[in-house]
């Protein structure tokens, strides 16, 4: 009879386990260090990196920092959105008085401001 294959081998510090098909597969742990909820901007950044910077994506997945990174990006984007919208509303005179006087105009102006700010966030944080 031929040589029997070992169930587990170690090469270059990586454990390989013998599968039923006779091939060895690496035992790679891709467990994340955190389990934060990731929102819209974190998901968008994640998709961008998966498509455009695969090396960085795989490095973060393998070292367990992917979830934490996406959560941080998401938090940063929402913080920037909130601060910028507040600043622009003050600058352009979009006040609570306007909201009481003409709610539809107020909603239109706020939506316009949010769209402009979000476009900037996408350009400067998400798609870089």
Protein backbone atom coordinates (compact mmCIF):
# COMPACT_ATOMS: atom_id res chain seq x y z
CA UNK A 1 0.00 0.00 0.00
CA UNK A 2 1.11 3.62 -0.63
CA UNK A 3 2.05 6.28 1.85
CA UNK A 4 -0.79 7.65 3.94
CA UNK A 5 -1.13 11.40 3.95
CA UNK A 6 -0.91 13.30 7.21
CA UNK A 7 -4.17 14.86 8.40
CA UNK A 8 -2.45 18.15 9.25
CA UNK A 9 0.75 19.65 7.92
CA UNK A 10 2.40 22.96 8.78
CA UNK A 11 4.33 24.99 6.24
CA UNK A 12 5.52 28.58 6.62
CA UNK A 13 3.59 28.86 9.87
CA UNK A 14 0.25 27.96 8.26
CA UNK A 15 -1.67 24.80 9.17
CA UNK A 16 -3.11 22.82 6.27
CA UNK A 17 -5.81 20.19 6.78
CA UNK A 18 -6.37 17.23 4.47
CA UNK A 19 -9.83 17.28 2.89
CA UNK A 20 -11.85 14.34 1.54
CA UNK A 21 -10.78 15.23 -1.99
CA UNK A 22 -7.12 14.55 -1.08
CA UNK A 23 -6.09 18.22 -1.17
CA UNK A 24 -4.70 20.27 1.68
CA UNK A 25 -6.50 23.50 2.55
CA UNK A 26 -5.12 26.27 4.78
CA UNK A 27 -6.71 26.83 8.15
CA UNK A 28 -7.20 30.57 7.91
CA UNK A 29 -9.12 32.36 10.61
CA UNK A 30 -10.94 35.42 9.30
CA UNK A 31 -12.73 36.20 12.52
CA UNK A 32 -13.13 39.91 13.11
CA UNK A 33 -12.06 41.56 16.36
CA UNK A 34 -15.30 43.56 16.49
CA UNK A 35 -18.92 43.17 15.45
CA UNK A 36 -20.08 46.76 15.03
CA UNK A 37 -23.13 47.59 12.91
CA UNK A 38 -21.97 49.12 9.63
CA UNK A 39 -24.19 51.66 7.91
CA UNK A 40 -24.58 53.10 4.44
CA UNK A 41 -21.23 54.84 4.11
CA UNK A 42 -19.25 51.97 5.61
CA UNK A 43 -20.88 49.57 3.16
CA UNK A 44 -20.13 51.88 0.24
CA UNK A 45 -16.48 52.18 1.29
CA UNK A 46 -16.27 48.42 1.69
CA UNK A 47 -17.61 47.78 -1.80
CA UNK A 48 -15.20 50.32 -3.24
CA UNK A 49 -12.19 48.70 -1.57
CA UNK A 50 -13.27 45.18 -2.58
CA UNK A 51 -13.32 46.27 -6.21
CA UNK A 52 -10.45 48.77 -6.34
CA UNK A 53 -7.94 47.92 -3.60
CA UNK A 54 -8.09 44.15 -3.12
CA UNK A 55 -4.77 44.00 -1.30
CA UNK A 56 -5.90 46.42 1.39
CA UNK A 57 -9.28 44.67 1.64
CA UNK A 58 -7.75 41.20 2.11
CA UNK A 59 -5.17 42.49 4.60
CA UNK A 60 -7.88 43.99 6.83
CA UNK A 61 -10.10 40.90 6.56
CA UNK A 62 -7.23 38.58 7.46
CA UNK A 63 -5.95 40.67 10.36
CA UNK A 64 -9.47 41.08 11.79
CA UNK A 65 -9.82 44.86 11.41
CA UNK A 66 -12.27 45.02 8.47
CA UNK A 67 -15.42 45.55 10.58
CA UNK A 68 -13.76 48.11 12.82
CA UNK A 69 -12.43 50.03 9.79
CA UNK A 70 -15.84 50.16 8.07
CA UNK A 71 -17.53 51.23 11.30
CA UNK A 72 -14.98 54.03 11.70
CA UNK A 73 -15.51 55.25 8.13
CA UNK A 74 -19.28 55.16 8.62
CA UNK A 75 -19.07 57.14 11.87
CA UNK A 76 -16.72 59.69 10.31
CA UNK A 77 -19.03 60.24 7.35
CA UNK A 78 -22.14 60.71 9.49
CA UNK A 79 -20.25 63.10 11.79
CA UNK A 80 -19.03 65.12 8.78
CA UNK A 81 -22.53 65.13 7.26
CA UNK A 82 -24.11 66.41 10.46
CA UNK A 83 -21.53 69.15 11.04
CA UNK A 84 -21.45 70.33 7.43
CA UNK A 85 -25.24 70.43 7.09
CA UNK A 86 -25.51 72.43 10.31
CA UNK A 87 -22.81 74.86 9.18
CA UNK A 88 -24.33 75.37 5.71
CA UNK A 89 -27.86 75.76 7.10
CA UNK A 90 -26.63 78.60 9.31
CA UNK A 91 -24.68 80.18 6.45
CA UNK A 92 -27.62 80.02 4.02
CA UNK A 93 -30.25 81.09 6.56
CA UNK A 94 -32.20 77.84 6.64
CA UNK A 95 -33.69 78.33 10.10
CA UNK A 96 -36.49 76.99 12.25
CA UNK A 97 -38.40 80.19 11.46
CA UNK A 98 -38.31 79.27 7.76
CA UNK A 99 -39.44 75.78 8.70
CA UNK A 100 -42.50 77.24 10.48
CA UNK A 101 -43.26 79.79 7.74
CA UNK A 102 -42.78 77.61 4.65
CA UNK A 103 -42.17 73.93 5.47
CA UNK A 104 -41.92 72.82 1.83
CA UNK A 105 -39.26 75.42 1.03
CA UNK A 106 -37.36 74.42 4.17
CA UNK A 107 -37.45 70.72 3.24
CA UNK A 108 -36.28 71.51 -0.28
CA UNK A 109 -33.37 73.60 0.96
CA UNK A 110 -32.31 71.03 3.57
CA UNK A 111 -32.48 68.21 1.02
CA UNK A 112 -30.38 70.27 -1.38
CA UNK A 113 -27.79 70.94 1.31
CA UNK A 114 -27.67 67.27 2.30
CA UNK A 115 -27.22 66.18 -1.32
CA UNK A 116 -24.31 68.60 -1.80
CA UNK A 117 -22.63 67.52 1.41
CA UNK A 118 -23.10 63.84 0.63
CA UNK A 119 -21.56 64.32 -2.80
CA UNK A 120 -18.51 65.85 -1.15
CA UNK A 121 -18.30 63.02 1.39
CA UNK A 122 -18.42 60.43 -1.38
CA UNK A 123 -15.69 62.23 -3.31
CA UNK A 124 -13.36 62.88 -0.37
CA UNK A 125 -13.85 59.89 1.94
CA UNK A 126 -15.58 56.98 0.23
CA UNK A 127 -14.10 56.88 -3.28
CA UNK A 128 -10.44 57.63 -2.60
